[in-house]
N, C-alpha and C. Protein backbone atom coordinates (compact mmCIF):
# COMPACT_ATOMS: atom_id res chain seq x y z
N MET A 1 20.39 -113.76 166.25
CA MET A 1 19.20 -113.04 165.89
C MET A 1 19.85 -111.55 166.42
N ARG A 2 20.07 -111.43 167.51
CA ARG A 2 20.81 -109.97 168.01
C ARG A 2 21.94 -109.63 166.95
N LEU A 3 23.02 -110.63 166.81
CA LEU A 3 23.86 -110.71 166.03
C LEU A 3 23.41 -109.95 164.51
N LEU A 4 22.81 -110.75 164.39
CA LEU A 4 21.81 -110.53 162.86
C LEU A 4 21.61 -108.89 162.83
N LEU A 5 21.14 -108.08 163.35
CA LEU A 5 20.03 -107.04 163.94
C LEU A 5 21.55 -105.96 164.30
N LEU A 6 22.83 -106.54 164.80
CA LEU A 6 23.74 -105.50 165.31
C LEU A 6 24.16 -105.34 164.17
N VAL A 7 24.17 -106.05 163.01
CA VAL A 7 25.07 -106.01 161.78
C VAL A 7 24.01 -105.05 160.89
N LEU A 8 23.32 -105.75 160.79
CA LEU A 8 22.05 -105.02 159.60
C LEU A 8 22.23 -103.24 159.99
N VAL A 9 21.91 -102.82 161.42
CA VAL A 9 21.83 -101.45 161.83
C VAL A 9 23.33 -101.09 161.69
N LEU A 10 24.46 -101.86 161.53
CA LEU A 10 26.10 -101.05 161.13
C LEU A 10 25.72 -100.60 160.00
N LEU A 11 25.78 -102.29 159.00
CA LEU A 11 25.77 -101.71 157.74
C LEU A 11 24.95 -100.62 157.06
N THR A 12 23.73 -100.40 158.05
CA THR A 12 22.65 -99.39 157.76
C THR A 12 23.44 -97.81 157.73
N ALA A 13 24.32 -98.47 159.16
CA ALA A 13 24.74 -96.61 158.89
C ALA A 13 25.64 -96.63 158.41
N ALA A 14 26.78 -97.35 157.71
CA ALA A 14 28.10 -97.24 156.81
C ALA A 14 27.36 -97.12 155.46
N LEU A 15 25.79 -97.23 155.15
CA LEU A 15 26.04 -97.03 154.04
C LEU A 15 25.25 -95.45 153.93
N GLN A 16 24.63 -94.84 155.30
CA GLN A 16 24.01 -94.08 155.23
C GLN A 16 24.96 -92.44 155.43
N TYR A 17 26.59 -92.88 155.73
CA TYR A 17 27.20 -91.39 156.27
C TYR A 17 27.41 -90.85 155.47
N PRO A 18 27.88 -91.77 153.74
CA PRO A 18 28.52 -90.83 152.68
C PRO A 18 26.95 -90.09 151.96
N LEU A 19 25.79 -90.78 152.81
CA LEU A 19 24.21 -90.22 151.86
C LEU A 19 24.49 -88.87 152.79
N TRP A 20 24.80 -88.79 153.80
CA TRP A 20 24.75 -87.26 154.57
C TRP A 20 25.90 -86.76 155.03
N TRP A 21 26.55 -87.06 154.87
CA TRP A 21 27.99 -86.52 155.70
C TRP A 21 29.33 -86.35 154.57
N GLY A 22 28.82 -87.54 153.31
CA GLY A 22 29.81 -87.42 152.15
C GLY A 22 30.03 -86.09 151.33
N LYS A 23 31.16 -86.53 150.03
CA LYS A 23 31.49 -85.45 149.46
C LYS A 23 30.04 -85.03 148.48
N GLY A 24 29.29 -85.98 148.30
CA GLY A 24 28.09 -85.35 147.72
C GLY A 24 26.70 -85.59 148.00
N GLY A 25 26.74 -85.64 149.89
CA GLY A 25 25.88 -85.64 150.70
C GLY A 25 24.93 -84.52 150.71
N TRP A 26 24.14 -84.19 151.72
CA TRP A 26 22.80 -83.84 151.69
C TRP A 26 23.56 -82.22 152.34
N LYS A 27 24.62 -82.36 153.39
CA LYS A 27 25.13 -81.46 153.85
C LYS A 27 25.58 -80.35 153.26
N ARG A 28 26.66 -80.91 151.77
CA ARG A 28 26.70 -80.57 150.45
C ARG A 28 25.85 -79.94 149.50
N VAL A 29 25.06 -80.39 149.50
CA VAL A 29 24.23 -80.10 148.71
C VAL A 29 23.56 -78.70 149.38
N HIS A 30 23.29 -78.75 150.52
CA HIS A 30 22.66 -77.37 151.16
C HIS A 30 23.53 -76.26 150.99
N GLU A 31 24.67 -76.85 151.56
CA GLU A 31 25.85 -75.22 151.16
C GLU A 31 25.74 -74.91 150.02
N LEU A 32 25.71 -75.78 148.53
CA LEU A 32 25.86 -74.89 147.50
C LEU A 32 24.71 -74.56 147.20
N GLN A 33 23.46 -74.96 147.77
CA GLN A 33 22.40 -74.41 147.31
C GLN A 33 22.38 -72.63 147.81
N GLN A 34 22.90 -72.77 148.72
CA GLN A 34 23.20 -71.45 149.60
C GLN A 34 23.99 -70.43 149.16
N ALA A 35 25.26 -71.45 148.38
CA ALA A 35 26.25 -70.54 147.46
C ALA A 35 25.39 -70.15 146.35
N ILE A 36 24.17 -70.80 145.92
CA ILE A 36 24.36 -70.50 144.32
C ILE A 36 22.97 -69.25 144.72
N SER A 37 21.90 -69.21 145.88
CA SER A 37 21.54 -68.57 146.01
C SER A 37 21.87 -66.58 146.49
N THR A 38 23.03 -66.86 146.65
CA THR A 38 23.88 -65.66 146.97
C THR A 38 24.48 -65.13 146.11
N GLN A 39 25.08 -65.84 145.04
CA GLN A 39 24.98 -65.75 143.69
C GLN A 39 24.06 -64.97 142.38
N GLN A 40 23.06 -65.82 142.98
CA GLN A 40 21.96 -64.94 142.34
C GLN A 40 21.70 -63.48 142.49
N ASP A 41 21.43 -63.29 143.55
CA ASP A 41 21.09 -61.83 144.50
C ASP A 41 22.09 -61.11 144.11
N THR A 42 23.54 -61.92 143.97
CA THR A 42 24.53 -60.58 143.65
C THR A 42 24.47 -60.30 141.65
N ASN A 43 23.97 -61.69 141.20
CA ASN A 43 24.19 -61.67 139.65
C ASN A 43 22.94 -60.50 139.64
N GLN A 44 21.81 -60.18 140.15
CA GLN A 44 20.63 -59.60 139.77
C GLN A 44 20.82 -57.94 140.56
N ALA A 45 21.85 -58.00 141.19
CA ALA A 45 22.19 -56.35 141.37
C ALA A 45 23.26 -55.79 140.54
N LEU A 46 24.30 -56.64 140.29
CA LEU A 46 25.29 -56.22 138.85
C LEU A 46 24.50 -56.07 138.02
N LEU A 47 23.50 -56.66 137.79
CA LEU A 47 22.68 -56.92 136.28
C LEU A 47 21.85 -55.10 136.80
N ALA A 48 20.99 -54.94 137.44
CA ALA A 48 20.74 -53.67 137.30
C ALA A 48 21.43 -52.60 137.36
N ARG A 49 22.24 -53.03 137.96
CA ARG A 49 23.82 -51.31 137.91
C ARG A 49 24.39 -51.23 136.40
N ASN A 50 24.48 -52.42 135.75
CA ASN A 50 24.53 -52.92 133.87
C ASN A 50 23.59 -51.57 133.45
N ASN A 51 22.40 -52.07 133.81
CA ASN A 51 21.02 -51.37 132.81
C ASN A 51 21.20 -49.78 133.21
N ALA A 52 21.43 -49.75 134.31
CA ALA A 52 21.52 -48.27 134.81
C ALA A 52 22.54 -47.71 134.16
N MET A 53 23.93 -48.39 134.03
CA MET A 53 24.90 -47.82 133.13
C MET A 53 24.49 -48.05 132.02
N GLN A 54 23.84 -48.58 131.33
CA GLN A 54 23.88 -48.42 130.01
C GLN A 54 22.92 -47.98 129.96
N ALA A 55 21.97 -46.91 130.10
CA ALA A 55 20.78 -46.40 129.85
C ALA A 55 21.71 -44.59 130.14
N GLU A 56 22.51 -44.48 131.31
CA GLU A 56 23.47 -43.30 131.42
C GLU A 56 24.37 -43.63 129.88
N VAL A 57 24.68 -44.34 129.58
CA VAL A 57 25.92 -44.18 128.50
C VAL A 57 24.93 -43.58 126.97
N GLN A 58 23.64 -44.78 126.81
CA GLN A 58 23.14 -44.02 126.24
C GLN A 58 22.11 -42.63 125.70
N ASP A 59 21.78 -42.30 126.84
CA ASP A 59 21.92 -40.93 127.41
C ASP A 59 22.50 -39.76 126.82
N LEU A 60 23.94 -40.21 127.23
CA LEU A 60 24.92 -39.48 126.75
C LEU A 60 25.25 -39.37 125.39
N LYS A 61 25.10 -40.23 124.88
CA LYS A 61 25.31 -40.59 123.58
C LYS A 61 24.28 -39.72 122.54
N THR A 62 23.20 -39.64 122.80
CA THR A 62 22.18 -39.48 122.49
C THR A 62 21.74 -37.70 122.37
N GLY A 63 21.71 -37.20 123.78
CA GLY A 63 21.10 -35.79 124.41
C GLY A 63 22.36 -34.92 124.57
N SER A 64 22.35 -33.98 124.55
CA SER A 64 23.43 -32.86 125.34
C SER A 64 23.08 -32.54 126.33
N GLY A 65 21.29 -32.94 126.75
CA GLY A 65 21.30 -32.80 128.22
C GLY A 65 21.87 -33.13 129.36
N ALA A 66 21.85 -34.35 129.09
CA ALA A 66 22.52 -35.28 129.88
C ALA A 66 24.03 -34.94 129.99
N VAL A 67 25.05 -34.70 129.03
CA VAL A 67 26.32 -34.16 128.98
C VAL A 67 25.93 -32.74 130.03
N GLU A 68 25.41 -31.85 130.10
CA GLU A 68 25.15 -30.80 130.63
C GLU A 68 24.59 -31.18 132.12
N GLU A 69 23.98 -31.74 132.14
CA GLU A 69 23.44 -32.43 134.00
C GLU A 69 24.63 -32.91 134.60
N ARG A 70 25.62 -33.68 133.69
CA ARG A 70 27.02 -34.61 134.40
C ARG A 70 28.25 -33.63 134.95
N ALA A 71 27.93 -33.09 133.78
CA ALA A 71 29.30 -31.40 134.22
C ALA A 71 28.92 -30.65 135.30
N ARG A 72 27.41 -30.57 135.26
CA ARG A 72 27.28 -29.59 136.41
C ARG A 72 27.09 -30.61 137.77
N ARG A 73 26.90 -31.45 137.61
CA ARG A 73 27.14 -32.03 139.06
C ARG A 73 28.54 -32.98 139.35
N ASP A 74 29.26 -33.35 138.92
CA ASP A 74 30.51 -33.89 138.87
C ASP A 74 31.35 -32.75 138.86
N LEU A 75 31.60 -31.52 137.89
CA LEU A 75 32.48 -30.94 137.99
C LEU A 75 32.44 -29.57 138.08
N GLY A 76 30.89 -29.59 138.28
CA GLY A 76 30.28 -27.94 139.40
C GLY A 76 30.72 -27.18 138.04
N LEU A 77 30.12 -27.22 137.43
CA LEU A 77 30.42 -26.49 136.03
C LEU A 77 29.07 -25.69 136.12
N VAL A 78 29.13 -24.22 135.99
CA VAL A 78 27.69 -23.33 135.53
C VAL A 78 27.81 -22.22 134.51
N LYS A 79 26.88 -22.03 134.12
CA LYS A 79 26.63 -21.04 132.86
C LYS A 79 26.66 -19.56 132.95
N LYS A 80 26.93 -19.38 132.51
CA LYS A 80 27.31 -17.74 132.17
C LYS A 80 26.15 -17.07 132.57
N ASN A 81 26.04 -16.38 133.69
CA ASN A 81 25.43 -15.24 134.71
C ASN A 81 24.79 -16.26 135.70
N GLU A 82 24.83 -17.60 135.87
CA GLU A 82 24.59 -17.99 136.89
C GLU A 82 25.11 -18.11 137.70
N ILE A 83 24.14 -18.08 139.04
CA ILE A 83 25.59 -18.00 140.98
C ILE A 83 25.68 -19.43 140.97
N TYR A 84 26.23 -20.13 141.44
CA TYR A 84 26.27 -21.29 142.27
C TYR A 84 25.92 -21.02 143.65
N VAL A 85 25.40 -21.79 144.38
CA VAL A 85 24.80 -21.76 146.15
C VAL A 85 25.52 -23.10 146.24
N GLN A 86 26.14 -23.48 146.79
CA GLN A 86 25.81 -24.53 147.79
C GLN A 86 25.31 -24.57 149.60
N ILE A 87 24.52 -25.17 149.63
CA ILE A 87 23.99 -25.14 151.16
C ILE A 87 24.55 -26.60 151.89
N LEU A 88 25.22 -25.73 153.04
CA LEU A 88 25.78 -26.76 153.74
C LEU A 88 25.31 -27.68 154.97
N SER A 89 24.94 -28.80 155.55
CA SER A 89 24.80 -29.15 157.03
C SER A 89 24.62 -28.57 157.94
N PRO A 90 24.00 -28.53 158.62
CA PRO A 90 24.45 -27.67 160.55
C PRO A 90 25.84 -28.37 160.50
N GLY A 91 26.58 -27.56 161.15
CA GLY A 91 27.82 -28.30 162.21
C GLY A 91 29.05 -28.65 161.23
N LYS A 92 28.51 -28.73 160.15
CA LYS A 92 29.58 -28.82 159.01
C LYS A 92 30.62 -27.44 158.49
N GLN A 93 31.87 -28.03 158.92
CA GLN A 93 32.60 -26.25 158.41
C GLN A 93 32.73 -26.26 157.08
N LEU A 94 33.39 -25.20 156.74
CA LEU A 94 33.28 -24.42 155.14
C LEU A 94 34.55 -24.89 154.71
N PRO A 95 34.66 -25.25 153.44
CA PRO A 95 35.82 -25.25 152.84
C PRO A 95 37.08 -24.14 152.89
N ALA A 96 38.00 -24.09 152.85
CA ALA A 96 39.31 -23.24 153.19
C ALA A 96 38.64 -22.47 151.76
N LEU A 97 39.09 -21.21 151.56
CA LEU A 97 39.07 -20.48 150.26
C LEU A 97 39.99 -19.91 150.27
N LYS A 98 40.89 -19.72 148.66
CA LYS A 98 41.93 -18.95 148.48
C LYS A 98 40.95 -18.23 147.92
N THR A 99 41.92 -16.50 148.56
CA THR A 99 41.43 -15.58 148.21
C THR A 99 42.45 -14.69 147.32
N PRO A 100 42.45 -14.16 146.31
CA PRO A 100 43.57 -13.33 145.81
C PRO A 100 44.15 -11.94 146.44
N GLU A 101 45.35 -12.44 146.62
CA GLU A 101 46.02 -11.34 147.48
C GLU A 101 45.89 -9.94 146.92
N LEU A 102 45.75 -8.87 147.38
CA LEU A 102 45.53 -7.70 146.83
C LEU A 102 46.85 -6.78 146.68
N ALA A 103 47.95 -6.47 145.77
CA ALA A 103 48.88 -5.70 146.03
C ALA A 103 48.75 -4.39 146.77
N SER A 104 49.72 -4.26 147.88
CA SER A 104 49.64 -2.88 148.18
C SER A 104 50.23 -1.19 147.24
N PRO A 105 50.19 -0.58 147.43
CA PRO A 105 49.81 0.74 146.56
C PRO A 105 51.51 0.84 146.02
N GLN A 106 52.43 0.58 147.07
CA GLN A 106 53.63 0.19 146.90
C GLN A 106 54.04 -0.19 146.16
N GLN A 107 53.46 -1.70 145.84
CA GLN A 107 53.90 -2.78 145.09
C GLN A 107 53.70 -2.53 143.60
N LYS A 108 52.26 -1.46 143.58
CA LYS A 108 51.67 -1.19 142.78
C LYS A 108 52.73 -0.06 141.51
N SER A 109 53.13 0.54 142.38
CA SER A 109 53.99 2.30 141.91
C SER A 109 55.65 1.24 141.12
N GLY A 110 56.11 0.16 141.75
CA GLY A 110 56.74 -0.72 141.84
C GLY A 110 58.10 -0.16 142.60
N ASN A 111 58.15 0.59 144.00
CA ASN A 111 58.97 1.06 144.81
C ASN A 111 58.94 -0.09 145.81
């Protein structure tokens, strides 16, 4: 009777092993569910980004205001009679400015 019980326990364990740790077992199913969840989150973020880009493209196609706004923001363009002001954070160094060199009076006269 004990031998029969031992054989049944071993047989049950042998049948349960693939269910829990085999190729299609619960462990693998759990790993795949986590991968699917991560991919769905990534897809949602990319979908939101695509929708924002699509709206921006549509805005650029239909209106000149969006083109002007983008030129001001990305290229630093200003309209005639406007003054460009940039406010820097405290502790941030000023960018190096190149100023045109003034010619001395001797250079102007050709001497």
